[in-house]
Amino acid sequence: MIQSANAARATTVPDLARINSGFLDLLLRAWGVERPTDHHITRLRLLILLWYGVLQSRLNERLTPQQADADLRMACHLLLAPGPETG
């Protein structure tokens, strides 16, 4: 499933842009960002890619559930923390 989702080309999957946009909107609302900048979008994109990597590592038993949880929490802490770029 992860490989299929990552292999989907925007030019051949008609709804991919709409799905990605909707998912980003959902994450921005959960984050509390009302007026997103490119910086916000980039940080979320990095978090999503990191999540895929942690999930795949967990599914391949390279991480324990506790390690996966700790890694994701650290990623959120680092990538979603307020900073001068976010106002």
C-alpha atoms as a PDB file:
ATOM      1  CA  MET A   1       0.000   0.000   0.000  1.00  0.00           C
ATOM      2  CA  ILE A   2       2.762   2.453   0.906  1.00  0.00           C
ATOM      3  CA  GLN A   3       4.628   1.721  -2.303  1.00  0.00           C
ATOM      4  CA  SER A   4       1.448   2.115  -4.341  1.00  0.00           C
ATOM      5  CA  ALA A   5       0.624   5.437  -2.703  1.00  0.00           C
ATOM      6  CA  ASN A   6       4.138   6.741  -3.235  1.00  0.00           C
ATOM      7  CA  ALA A   7       4.316   5.445  -6.803  1.00  0.00           C
ATOM      8  CA  ALA A   8       1.106   7.182  -7.886  1.00  0.00           C
ATOM      9  CA  ARG A   9       1.963   9.790 -10.515  1.00  0.00           C
ATOM     10  CA  ALA A  10       0.062  13.050 -10.437  1.00  0.00           C
ATOM     11  CA  THR A  11      -0.315  12.909 -14.223  1.00  0.00           C
ATOM     12  CA  THR A  12      -1.998   9.489 -14.214  1.00  0.00           C
ATOM     13  CA  VAL A  13      -4.097   9.639 -11.027  1.00  0.00           C
ATOM     14  CA  PRO A  14      -6.759  12.297 -11.633  1.00  0.00           C
ATOM     15  CA  ASP A  15      -7.767  12.862  -8.014  1.00  0.00           C
ATOM     16  CA  LEU A  16      -4.267  12.830  -6.516  1.00  0.00           C
ATOM     17  CA  ALA A  17      -3.869  16.614  -6.327  1.00  0.00           C
ATOM     18  CA  ARG A  18      -7.301  16.992  -4.722  1.00  0.00           C
ATOM     19  CA  ILE A  19      -6.573  14.226  -2.203  1.00  0.00           C
ATOM     20  CA  ASN A  20      -3.163  15.675  -1.310  1.00  0.00           C
ATOM     21  CA  SER A  21      -4.628  19.157  -0.952  1.00  0.00           C
ATOM     22  CA  GLY A  22      -7.441  17.877   1.256  1.00  0.00           C
ATOM     23  CA  PHE A  23      -5.013  15.971   3.456  1.00  0.00           C
ATOM     24  CA  LEU A  24      -2.780  19.032   3.837  1.00  0.00           C
ATOM     25  CA  ASP A  25      -5.823  21.171   4.702  1.00  0.00           C
ATOM     26  CA  LEU A  26      -6.806  18.656   7.370  1.00  0.00           C
ATOM     27  CA  LEU A  27      -3.314  18.682   8.876  1.00  0.00           C
ATOM     28  CA  LEU A  28      -3.116  22.483   8.786  1.00  0.00           C
ATOM     29  CA  ARG A  29      -6.424  22.733  10.665  1.00  0.00           C
ATOM     30  CA  ALA A  30      -5.227  20.202  13.253  1.00  0.00           C
ATOM     31  CA  TRP A  31      -2.007  22.221  13.618  1.00  0.00           C
ATOM     32  CA  GLY A  32      -4.040  25.414  14.062  1.00  0.00           C
ATOM     33  CA  VAL A  33      -2.593  27.239  11.057  1.00  0.00           C
ATOM     34  CA  GLU A  34      -5.138  29.623   9.564  1.00  0.00           C
ATOM     35  CA  ARG A  35      -2.996  31.274   6.881  1.00  0.00           C
ATOM     36  CA  PRO A  36      -0.414  28.735   5.729  1.00  0.00           C
ATOM     37  CA  THR A  37       2.827  29.814   4.114  1.00  0.00           C
ATOM     38  CA  ASP A  38       5.140  27.780   1.907  1.00  0.00           C
ATOM     39  CA  HIS A  39       7.157  27.174   5.073  1.00  0.00           C
ATOM     40  CA  HIS A  40       4.167  25.495   6.775  1.00  0.00           C
ATOM     41  CA  ILE A  41       3.477  23.324   3.734  1.00  0.00           C
ATOM     42  CA  THR A  42       7.115  22.258   3.492  1.00  0.00           C
ATOM     43  CA  ARG A  43       7.231  21.328   7.176  1.00  0.00           C
ATOM     44  CA  LEU A  44       4.085  19.222   6.815  1.00  0.00           C
ATOM     45  CA  ARG A  45       5.398  17.551   3.665  1.00  0.00           C
ATOM     46  CA  LEU A  46       8.579  16.599   5.549  1.00  0.00           C
ATOM     47  CA  LEU A  47       6.516  15.245   8.444  1.00  0.00           C
ATOM     48  CA  ILE A  48       4.382  13.138   6.088  1.00  0.00           C
ATOM     49  CA  LEU A  49       7.462  11.688   4.395  1.00  0.00           C
ATOM     50  CA  LEU A  50       9.027  10.947   7.768  1.00  0.00           C
ATOM     51  CA  TRP A  51       5.809   9.247   8.891  1.00  0.00           C
ATOM     52  CA  TYR A  52       5.927   6.959   5.848  1.00  0.00           C
ATOM     53  CA  GLY A  53       9.515   6.019   6.701  1.00  0.00           C
ATOM     54  CA  VAL A  54       8.713   5.300  10.348  1.00  0.00           C
ATOM     55  CA  LEU A  55       5.655   3.280   9.350  1.00  0.00           C
ATOM     56  CA  GLN A  56       7.646   1.207   6.885  1.00  0.00           C
ATOM     57  CA  SER A  57      10.411   0.649   9.446  1.00  0.00           C
ATOM     58  CA  ARG A  58       7.828  -0.452  11.999  1.00  0.00           C
ATOM     59  CA  LEU A  59       6.127  -2.810   9.524  1.00  0.00           C
ATOM     60  CA  ASN A  60       9.528  -4.333   8.721  1.00  0.00           C
ATOM     61  CA  GLU A  61      10.162  -4.720  12.468  1.00  0.00           C
ATOM     62  CA  ARG A  62      13.177  -2.425  12.406  1.00  0.00           C
ATOM     63  CA  LEU A  63      11.575  -0.298  15.125  1.00  0.00           C
ATOM     64  CA  THR A  64       9.615  -1.273  18.205  1.00  0.00           C
ATOM     65  CA  PRO A  65       6.223   0.355  18.699  1.00  0.00           C
ATOM     66  CA  GLN A  66       7.791   2.493  21.422  1.00  0.00           C
ATOM     67  CA  GLN A  67      10.612   3.631  19.141  1.00  0.00           C
ATOM     68  CA  ALA A  68       8.187   4.471  16.338  1.00  0.00           C
ATOM     69  CA  ASP A  69       6.024   6.473  18.736  1.00  0.00           C
ATOM     70  CA  ALA A  70       9.041   8.315  20.155  1.00  0.00           C
ATOM     71  CA  ASP A  71      10.384   9.078  16.673  1.00  0.00           C
ATOM     72  CA  LEU A  72       7.058  10.487  15.487  1.00  0.00           C
ATOM     73  CA  ARG A  73       6.652  12.583  18.621  1.00  0.00           C
ATOM     74  CA  MET A  74      10.168  13.972  18.187  1.00  0.00           C
ATOM     75  CA  ALA A  75       9.485  14.754  14.536  1.00  0.00           C
ATOM     76  CA  CYS A  76       6.299  16.618  15.450  1.00  0.00           C
ATOM     77  CA  HIS A  77       8.109  18.501  18.191  1.00  0.00           C
ATOM     78  CA  LEU A  78      10.912  19.564  15.850  1.00  0.00           C
ATOM     79  CA  LEU A  79       8.925  20.227  12.686  1.00  0.00           C
ATOM     80  CA  LEU A  80       5.768  21.766  14.121  1.00  0.00           C
ATOM     81  CA  ALA A  81       7.255  23.916  16.879  1.00  0.00           C
ATOM     82  CA  PRO A  82       6.545  27.631  16.568  1.00  0.00           C
ATOM     83  CA  GLY A  83       9.386  29.564  15.056  1.00  0.00           C
ATOM     84  CA  PRO A  84      10.161  32.974  13.652  1.00  0.00           C
ATOM     85  CA  GLU A  85       9.105  31.811  10.170  1.00  0.00           C
ATOM     86  CA  THR A  86       5.567  31.009  11.337  1.00  0.00           C
ATOM     87  CA  GLY A  87       4.829  34.270  13.117  1.00  0.00           C
END
